[in-house]
N, C-alpha and C. Protein backbone atom coordinates (compact mmCIF):
# COMPACT_ATOMS: atom_id res chain seq x y z
N MET A 1 -54.14 -39.12 -16.90
CA MET A 1 -54.07 -38.56 -16.06
C MET A 1 -52.52 -38.26 -15.42
N ARG A 2 -52.34 -39.26 -15.20
CA ARG A 2 -50.53 -39.11 -14.84
C ARG A 2 -49.58 -38.28 -15.79
N LEU A 3 -50.06 -38.99 -17.01
CA LEU A 3 -48.67 -38.35 -17.78
C LEU A 3 -49.29 -36.52 -18.02
N PHE A 4 -50.84 -35.65 -17.92
CA PHE A 4 -51.12 -34.73 -17.65
C PHE A 4 -50.39 -33.86 -16.35
N LEU A 5 -49.91 -34.54 -15.07
CA LEU A 5 -49.26 -34.13 -13.71
C LEU A 5 -48.13 -34.23 -13.95
N LEU A 6 -47.38 -35.38 -14.81
CA LEU A 6 -46.24 -35.19 -15.07
C LEU A 6 -45.69 -34.39 -16.19
N LEU A 7 -46.31 -33.79 -17.06
CA LEU A 7 -45.71 -32.69 -17.61
C LEU A 7 -46.46 -31.59 -17.12
N ILE A 8 -46.92 -30.76 -16.20
CA ILE A 8 -47.07 -30.21 -15.21
C ILE A 8 -45.93 -29.73 -14.57
N ILE A 9 -45.49 -31.05 -14.13
CA ILE A 9 -44.27 -30.84 -12.95
C ILE A 9 -42.83 -30.14 -13.72
N VAL A 10 -43.09 -31.32 -14.61
CA VAL A 10 -41.71 -30.71 -15.99
C VAL A 10 -42.01 -29.17 -15.94
N ALA A 11 -42.26 -28.70 -16.58
CA ALA A 11 -42.80 -27.52 -17.32
C ALA A 11 -42.50 -26.84 -16.28
N ILE A 12 -42.78 -26.22 -14.74
CA ILE A 12 -42.62 -25.67 -13.59
C ILE A 12 -41.45 -26.06 -13.37
N VAL A 13 -40.67 -27.12 -13.08
CA VAL A 13 -39.26 -26.95 -12.94
C VAL A 13 -38.50 -26.50 -14.21
N LEU A 14 -38.71 -27.14 -15.18
CA LEU A 14 -37.92 -26.42 -16.23
C LEU A 14 -38.08 -24.62 -16.00
N GLY A 15 -39.26 -24.26 -15.84
CA GLY A 15 -39.47 -23.11 -15.76
C GLY A 15 -39.04 -22.35 -14.60
N ILE A 16 -38.58 -22.95 -13.62
CA ILE A 16 -37.91 -22.33 -12.35
C ILE A 16 -36.31 -22.35 -12.76
N ILE A 17 -36.08 -23.51 -12.82
CA ILE A 17 -34.53 -23.38 -13.56
C ILE A 17 -34.01 -22.64 -14.67
N GLY A 18 -35.04 -22.15 -15.65
CA GLY A 18 -34.90 -21.33 -16.51
C GLY A 18 -34.55 -20.02 -16.14
N PHE A 19 -35.57 -19.56 -14.96
CA PHE A 19 -35.57 -18.24 -14.30
C PHE A 19 -34.47 -17.94 -13.87
N ALA A 20 -34.35 -18.78 -12.61
CA ALA A 20 -32.79 -18.97 -11.79
C ALA A 20 -31.59 -18.86 -12.35
N VAL A 21 -31.25 -19.68 -13.08
CA VAL A 21 -30.06 -19.76 -13.42
C VAL A 21 -29.66 -18.62 -15.19
N HIS A 22 -28.59 -17.78 -14.80
CA HIS A 22 -28.50 -16.86 -15.56
C HIS A 22 -27.94 -17.43 -16.70
N GLY A 23 -28.40 -17.54 -18.25
CA GLY A 23 -28.43 -17.66 -19.32
C GLY A 23 -28.46 -19.27 -19.36
N LEU A 24 -29.92 -19.32 -18.67
CA LEU A 24 -30.48 -20.82 -19.08
C LEU A 24 -31.81 -19.74 -19.48
N PHE A 25 -31.83 -18.96 -19.86
CA PHE A 25 -33.61 -18.65 -20.47
C PHE A 25 -33.84 -19.80 -21.58
N TYR A 26 -33.25 -20.59 -21.86
CA TYR A 26 -34.43 -21.18 -23.18
C TYR A 26 -34.90 -22.13 -22.39
N LEU A 27 -34.51 -22.82 -20.95
CA LEU A 27 -34.99 -23.89 -20.36
C LEU A 27 -36.40 -23.10 -19.60
N LEU A 28 -36.54 -21.75 -19.92
CA LEU A 28 -37.75 -21.24 -19.59
C LEU A 28 -39.31 -21.23 -20.67
N VAL A 29 -38.37 -20.73 -21.48
CA VAL A 29 -39.11 -21.08 -22.80
C VAL A 29 -39.98 -22.86 -23.35
N ILE A 30 -38.71 -23.51 -22.72
CA ILE A 30 -38.93 -24.84 -23.49
C ILE A 30 -40.11 -25.13 -22.68
N GLY A 31 -40.21 -24.49 -21.01
CA GLY A 31 -41.13 -25.16 -19.89
C GLY A 31 -42.62 -24.60 -20.53
N ALA A 32 -42.21 -23.34 -20.85
CA ALA A 32 -43.86 -22.62 -21.37
C ALA A 32 -44.23 -23.31 -22.49
N LEU A 33 -43.61 -23.83 -23.48
CA LEU A 33 -44.28 -24.83 -24.52
C LEU A 33 -45.13 -26.00 -24.37
N VAL A 34 -44.38 -26.51 -23.42
CA VAL A 34 -44.45 -27.94 -22.39
C VAL A 34 -45.71 -27.89 -21.84
N LEU A 35 -45.73 -26.67 -21.19
CA LEU A 35 -47.00 -26.63 -20.34
C LEU A 35 -48.23 -26.48 -21.33
N ALA A 36 -47.91 -25.22 -22.17
CA ALA A 36 -49.17 -25.17 -23.43
C ALA A 36 -49.43 -25.99 -23.93
N VAL A 37 -48.79 -27.08 -24.56
CA VAL A 37 -49.02 -28.05 -25.25
C VAL A 37 -49.73 -29.30 -23.81
N ASP A 38 -49.64 -29.31 -22.92
CA ASP A 38 -49.88 -30.02 -22.04
C ASP A 38 -51.44 -29.82 -21.21
N LEU A 39 -51.24 -28.54 -21.49
CA LEU A 39 -52.80 -27.82 -21.59
C LEU A 39 -54.05 -28.07 -22.31
N VAL A 40 -53.20 -27.99 -24.04
CA VAL A 40 -54.11 -28.24 -24.52
C VAL A 40 -54.38 -30.16 -24.81
N TYR A 41 -53.40 -30.83 -24.51
CA TYR A 41 -53.70 -32.20 -24.44
C TYR A 41 -55.09 -32.16 -23.31
N GLY A 42 -54.89 -31.85 -22.14
CA GLY A 42 -56.01 -31.95 -21.13
C GLY A 42 -57.00 -31.54 -21.83
N ALA A 43 -57.15 -30.25 -22.33
CA ALA A 43 -58.35 -29.70 -22.83
C ALA A 43 -59.12 -30.78 -23.93
N MET A 44 -58.18 -31.53 -24.84
CA MET A 44 -58.67 -32.13 -25.86
C MET A 44 -59.28 -33.46 -24.88
N ARG A 45 -58.89 -34.15 -23.70
CA ARG A 45 -58.93 -35.10 -23.07
C ARG A 45 -60.53 -35.13 -22.55
N VAL A 46 -60.60 -33.86 -21.86
CA VAL A 46 -61.76 -33.75 -21.25
C VAL A 46 -63.01 -33.63 -22.00
N ARG A 47 -62.60 -32.89 -23.32
CA ARG A 47 -63.61 -32.91 -24.51
C ARG A 47 -63.94 -33.91 -24.78
N ARG A 48 -63.34 -35.08 -25.33
CA ARG A 48 -63.48 -36.32 -25.44
C ARG A 48 -64.23 -37.33 -24.49
N GLY A 49 -63.70 -36.78 -23.05
CA GLY A 49 -63.71 -37.81 -22.60
C GLY A 49 -65.00 -38.64 -21.55
N GLY A 50 -66.32 -38.01 -22.07
CA GLY A 50 -67.38 -38.58 -21.47
C GLY A 50 -67.64 -40.32 -22.58
N ARG A 51 -67.48 -40.01 -23.40
CA ARG A 51 -67.45 -41.99 -24.42
C ARG A 51 -66.38 -42.57 -23.93
N ARG A 52 -67.18 -43.94 -23.49
CA ARG A 52 -66.31 -45.16 -23.21
C ARG A 52 -66.58 -46.09 -24.19
N HIS A 53 -66.02 -46.90 -24.65
CA HIS A 53 -66.06 -47.67 -25.62
C HIS A 53 -66.29 -49.17 -24.88
N ARG A 54 -67.15 -49.82 -25.28
CA ARG A 54 -67.47 -51.37 -24.84
C ARG A 54 -66.21 -51.95 -25.47
N ARG A 55 -65.78 -52.97 -24.41
CA ARG A 55 -65.21 -53.98 -24.63
C ARG A 55 -65.98 -55.18 -25.68
N VAL A 56 -65.56 -56.12 -26.65
CA VAL A 56 -66.46 -56.92 -27.66
C VAL A 56 -65.83 -58.25 -26.67
N ARG A 57 -66.26 -59.44 -26.24
CA ARG A 57 -65.47 -60.31 -25.38
C ARG A 57 -66.13 -61.57 -26.46
C-alpha cells in the first residue's frame, strides 16, 4: 500500500513540475506513465488481494 501511495505522489509531483516549468513537458508525460502503471498495479493487487497463504511452521 505504501508503494502505491508513493507512486501516486511521485506522479502528481512530476505532472505539476512538467506542467509548470517551460521546456519540461517530458516530466508531465513521465508522470502520466507512472500514474498509469501505478493504477494497473493497484488493480492487480485488489483483484488477487483476498487470498492469503498460511505459513507452515
